[in-house]
PDB file of N, CA and C in Angstrom:
ATOM      1  N   MET A   1     138.457  74.482  55.551  1.00  0.00           N
ATOM      2  CA  MET A   1     138.725  74.576  56.981  1.00  0.00           C
ATOM      3  C   MET A   1     139.287  73.239  57.469  1.00  0.00           C
ATOM      4  N   LYS A   2     140.339  73.318  58.294  1.00  0.00           N
ATOM      5  CA  LYS A   2     140.961  72.096  58.800  1.00  0.00           C
ATOM      6  C   LYS A   2     140.080  71.467  59.868  1.00  0.00           C
ATOM      7  N   SER A   3     140.213  70.164  60.005  1.00  0.00           N
ATOM      8  CA  SER A   3     139.427  69.484  61.029  1.00  0.00           C
ATOM      9  C   SER A   3     139.990  69.835  62.408  1.00  0.00           C
ATOM     10  N   PRO A   4     139.148  69.812  63.438  1.00  0.00           N
ATOM     11  CA  PRO A   4     139.604  70.175  64.788  1.00  0.00           C
ATOM     12  C   PRO A   4     140.746  69.295  65.298  1.00  0.00           C
ATOM     13  N   VAL A   5     140.803  68.057  64.870  1.00  0.00           N
ATOM     14  CA  VAL A   5     141.876  67.166  65.323  1.00  0.00           C
ATOM     15  C   VAL A   5     143.224  67.660  64.831  1.00  0.00           C
ATOM     16  N   ILE A   6     143.294  68.096  63.598  1.00  0.00           N
ATOM     17  CA  ILE A   6     144.550  68.594  63.037  1.00  0.00           C
ATOM     18  C   ILE A   6     144.962  69.891  63.731  1.00  0.00           C
ATOM     19  N   VAL A   7     143.990  70.760  64.001  1.00  0.00           N
ATOM     20  CA  VAL A   7     144.299  72.025  64.681  1.00  0.00           C
ATOM     21  C   VAL A   7     144.831  71.765  66.086  1.00  0.00           C
ATOM     22  N   VAL A   8     144.210  70.834  66.807  1.00  0.00           N
ATOM     23  CA  VAL A   8     144.670  70.501  68.155  1.00  0.00           C
ATOM     24  C   VAL A   8     146.057  69.873  68.113  1.00  0.00           C
ATOM     25  N   ALA A   9     146.294  69.003  67.151  1.00  0.00           N
ATOM     26  CA  ALA A   9     147.604  68.358  67.045  1.00  0.00           C
ATOM     27  C   ALA A   9     148.695  69.388  66.752  1.00  0.00           C
ATOM     28  N   ILE A  10     148.417  70.330  65.858  1.00  0.00           N
ATOM     29  CA  ILE A  10     149.406  71.360  65.532  1.00  0.00           C
ATOM     30  C   ILE A  10     149.655  72.257  66.739  1.00  0.00           C
ATOM     31  N   THR A  11     148.579  72.607  67.460  1.00  0.00           N
ATOM     32  CA  THR A  11     148.720  73.459  68.643  1.00  0.00           C
ATOM     33  C   THR A  11     149.528  72.765  69.730  1.00  0.00           C
ATOM     34  N   LEU A  12     149.250  71.488  69.972  1.00  0.00           N
ATOM     35  CA  LEU A  12     150.004  70.745  70.983  1.00  0.00           C
ATOM     36  C   LEU A  12     151.475  70.601  70.594  1.00  0.00           C
ATOM     37  N   THR A  13     151.730  70.350  69.329  1.00  0.00           N
ATOM     38  CA  THR A  13     153.112  70.242  68.869  1.00  0.00           C
ATOM     39  C   THR A  13     153.858  71.554  69.072  1.00  0.00           C
ATOM     40  N   ALA A  14     153.206  72.658  68.739  1.00  0.00           N
ATOM     41  CA  ALA A  14     153.841  73.960  68.922  1.00  0.00           C
ATOM     42  C   ALA A  14     154.093  74.237  70.399  1.00  0.00           C
ATOM     43  N   ALA A  15     153.137  73.901  71.260  1.00  0.00           N
ATOM     44  CA  ALA A  15     153.309  74.129  72.693  1.00  0.00           C
ATOM     45  C   ALA A  15     154.459  73.293  73.253  1.00  0.00           C
ATOM     46  N   ILE A  16     154.570  72.050  72.808  1.00  0.00           N
ATOM     47  CA  ILE A  16     155.662  71.182  73.279  1.00  0.00           C
ATOM     48  C   ILE A  16     157.007  71.729  72.824  1.00  0.00           C
ATOM     49  N   LEU A  17     157.087  72.192  71.587  1.00  0.00           N
ATOM     50  CA  LEU A  17     158.349  72.744  71.095  1.00  0.00           C
ATOM     51  C   LEU A  17     158.739  74.011  71.853  1.00  0.00           C
ATOM     52  N   VAL A  18     157.772  74.864  72.138  1.00  0.00           N
ATOM     53  CA  VAL A  18     158.071  76.087  72.895  1.00  0.00           C
ATOM     54  C   VAL A  18     158.531  75.734  74.304  1.00  0.00           C
ATOM     55  N   ALA A  19     157.843  74.799  74.965  1.00  0.00           N
ATOM     56  CA  ALA A  19     158.226  74.410  76.323  1.00  0.00           C
ATOM     57  C   ALA A  19     159.621  73.786  76.345  1.00  0.00           C
ATOM     58  N   ALA A  20     159.927  72.949  75.368  1.00  0.00           N
ATOM     59  CA  ALA A  20     161.245  72.315  75.323  1.00  0.00           C
ATOM     60  C   ALA A  20     162.338  73.345  75.081  1.00  0.00           C
ATOM     61  N   SER A  21     162.084  74.294  74.206  1.00  0.00           N
ATOM     62  CA  SER A  21     163.104  75.311  73.946  1.00  0.00           C
ATOM     63  C   SER A  21     163.315  76.194  75.166  1.00  0.00           C
ATOM     64  N   LEU A  22     162.242  76.498  75.901  1.00  0.00           N
ATOM     65  CA  LEU A  22     162.409  77.290  77.127  1.00  0.00           C
ATOM     66  C   LEU A  22     163.206  76.524  78.174  1.00  0.00           C
ATOM     67  N   LEU A  23     162.957  75.225  78.293  1.00  0.00           N
ATOM     68  CA  LEU A  23     163.733  74.431  79.249  1.00  0.00           C
ATOM     69  C   LEU A  23     165.204  74.388  78.865  1.00  0.00           C
ATOM     70  N   ILE A  24     165.491  74.294  77.586  1.00  0.00           N
ATOM     71  CA  ILE A  24     166.876  74.262  77.134  1.00  0.00           C
ATOM     72  C   ILE A  24     167.543  75.604  77.411  1.00  0.00           C
ATOM     73  N   VAL A  25     166.848  76.704  77.137  1.00  0.00           N
ATOM     74  CA  VAL A  25     167.424  78.030  77.362  1.00  0.00           C
ATOM     75  C   VAL A  25     167.674  78.260  78.842  1.00  0.00           C
ATOM     76  N   VAL A  26     166.718  77.907  79.688  1.00  0.00           N
ATOM     77  CA  VAL A  26     166.890  78.105  81.126  1.00  0.00           C
ATOM     78  C   VAL A  26     168.011  77.210  81.645  1.00  0.00           C
ATOM     79  N   GLY A  27     168.116  75.999  81.130  1.00  0.00           N
ATOM     80  CA  GLY A  27     169.157  75.085  81.587  1.00  0.00           C
ATOM     81  C   GLY A  27     170.542  75.511  81.163  1.00  0.00           C
ATOM     82  N   THR A  28     170.673  76.234  80.054  1.00  0.00           N
ATOM     83  CA  THR A  28     171.998  76.629  79.584  1.00  0.00           C
ATOM     84  C   THR A  28     172.393  78.028  80.046  1.00  0.00           C
ATOM     85  N   ARG A  29     171.515  78.735  80.764  1.00  0.00           N
ATOM     86  CA  ARG A  29     171.860  80.072  81.228  1.00  0.00           C
ATOM     87  C   ARG A  29     172.784  80.047  82.423  1.00  0.00           C
ATOM     88  N   LYS A  30     172.838  78.932  83.138  1.00  0.00           N
ATOM     89  CA  LYS A  30     173.706  78.826  84.308  1.00  0.00           C
ATOM     90  C   LYS A  30     175.158  78.755  83.859  1.00  0.00           C
ATOM     91  N   GLY A  31     176.047  79.129  84.758  1.00  0.00           N
ATOM     92  CA  GLY A  31     177.466  79.074  84.457  1.00  0.00           C
ATOM     93  C   GLY A  31     177.955  77.650  84.415  1.00  0.00           C
ATOM     94  N   PRO A  32     179.168  77.453  83.931  1.00  0.00           N
ATOM     95  CA  PRO A  32     179.711  76.088  83.881  1.00  0.00           C
ATOM     96  C   PRO A  32     179.894  75.518  85.284  1.00  0.00           C
ATOM     97  N   GLY A  33     179.561  74.280  85.428  1.00  0.00           N
ATOM     98  CA  GLY A  33     179.737  73.613  86.710  1.00  0.00           C
ATOM     99  C   GLY A  33     178.570  73.791  87.655  1.00  0.00           C
ATOM    100  N   THR A  34     177.525  74.493  87.246  1.00  0.00           N
ATOM    101  CA  THR A  34     176.395  74.695  88.144  1.00  0.00           C
ATOM    102  C   THR A  34     175.150  73.963  87.672  1.00  0.00           C
ATOM    103  N   SER A  35     175.288  73.144  86.666  1.00  0.00           N
ATOM    104  CA  SER A  35     174.131  72.419  86.164  1.00  0.00           C
ATOM    105  C   SER A  35     173.714  71.356  87.163  1.00  0.00           C
ATOM    106  N   THR A  36     172.414  71.205  87.331  1.00  0.00           N
ATOM    107  CA  THR A  36     171.903  70.183  88.241  1.00  0.00           C
ATOM    108  C   THR A  36     171.306  69.010  87.486  1.00  0.00           C
ATOM    109  N   LEU A  37     171.445  68.992  86.154  1.00  0.00           N
ATOM    110  CA  LEU A  37     170.814  67.931  85.387  1.00  0.00           C
ATOM    111  C   LEU A  37     171.494  66.584  85.627  1.00  0.00           C
ATOM    112  N   ASN A  38     172.815  66.532  85.578  1.00  0.00           N
ATOM    113  CA  ASN A  38     173.535  65.272  85.725  1.00  0.00           C
ATOM    114  C   ASN A  38     174.453  65.287  86.933  1.00  0.00           C
ATOM    115  N   ALA A  39     174.157  66.150  87.906  1.00  0.00           N
ATOM    116  CA  ALA A  39     175.025  66.250  89.075  1.00  0.00           C
ATOM    117  C   ALA A  39     174.810  65.032  89.966  1.00  0.00           C
ATOM    118  N   PRO A  40     175.886  64.476  90.489  1.00  0.00           N
ATOM    119  CA  PRO A  40     175.722  63.357  91.424  1.00  0.00           C
ATOM    120  C   PRO A  40     175.123  63.856  92.734  1.00  0.00           C
ATOM    121  N   ALA A  41     174.435  62.981  93.401  1.00  0.00           N
ATOM    122  CA  ALA A  41     173.847  63.352  94.689  1.00  0.00           C
ATOM    123  C   ALA A  41     174.964  63.619  95.691  1.00  0.00           C
ATOM    124  N   LEU A  42     174.721  64.582  96.554  1.00  0.00           N
ATOM    125  CA  LEU A  42     175.724  64.891  97.573  1.00  0.00           C
ATOM    126  C   LEU A  42     175.844  63.707  98.523  1.00  0.00           C
ATOM    127  N   GLN A  43     177.071  63.318  98.770  1.00  0.00           N
ATOM    128  CA  GLN A  43     177.321  62.182  99.638  1.00  0.00           C
ATOM    129  C   GLN A  43     177.386  62.674 101.078  1.00  0.00           C
ATOM    130  N   GLN A  44     176.424  62.285 101.863  1.00  0.00           N
ATOM    131  CA  GLN A  44     176.382  62.650 103.273  1.00  0.00           C
ATOM    132  C   GLN A  44     176.828  61.439 104.087  1.00  0.00           C
ATOM    133  N   PRO A  45     177.677  61.661 105.087  1.00  0.00           N
ATOM    134  CA  PRO A  45     178.052  60.527 105.929  1.00  0.00           C
ATOM    135  C   PRO A  45     176.824  60.017 106.694  1.00  0.00           C
ATOM    136  N   VAL A  46     176.744  58.699 106.803  1.00  0.00           N
ATOM    137  CA  VAL A  46     175.596  58.102 107.484  1.00  0.00           C
ATOM    138  C   VAL A  46     175.834  58.186 108.978  1.00  0.00           C
ATOM    139  N   GLN A  47     174.888  58.783 109.668  1.00  0.00           N
ATOM    140  CA  GLN A  47     174.981  58.861 111.133  1.00  0.00           C
ATOM    141  C   GLN A  47     173.853  58.031 111.718  1.00  0.00           C
ATOM    142  N   HIS A  48     174.247  57.029 112.476  1.00  0.00           N
ATOM    143  CA  HIS A  48     173.258  56.144 113.068  1.00  0.00           C
ATOM    144  C   HIS A  48     172.866  56.692 114.435  1.00  0.00           C
ATOM    145  N   ALA A  49     171.603  56.792 114.657  1.00  0.00           N
ATOM    146  CA  ALA A  49     171.111  57.220 115.963  1.00  0.00           C
ATOM    147  C   ALA A  49     170.625  55.984 116.713  1.00  0.00           C
ATOM    148  N   TYR A  50     171.262  55.689 117.806  1.00  0.00           N
ATOM    149  CA  TYR A  50     170.903  54.528 118.597  1.00  0.00           C
ATOM    150  C   TYR A  50     170.064  54.997 119.776  1.00  0.00           C
ATOM    151  N   LEU A  51     168.856  54.483 119.836  1.00  0.00           N
ATOM    152  CA  LEU A  51     167.999  54.803 120.966  1.00  0.00           C
ATOM    153  C   LEU A  51     168.238  53.781 122.055  1.00  0.00           C
ATOM    154  N   VAL A  52     168.502  54.268 123.270  1.00  0.00           N
ATOM    155  CA  VAL A  52     168.810  53.363 124.392  1.00  0.00           C
ATOM    156  C   VAL A  52     167.671  53.378 125.374  1.00  0.00           C
TER     157      VAL A  52
END
């Protein structure tokens, strides 16, 4: 029987691999040009509000 530490390490490794693969699949399902991973922030013009 394997020690509990080895079982936990294998389980955590498997969970991390499954989560990473799901993130990759979800990230690549979008059409071209719609990815938000490396998109630059939208440039909004700065509007100054002056209180008088």
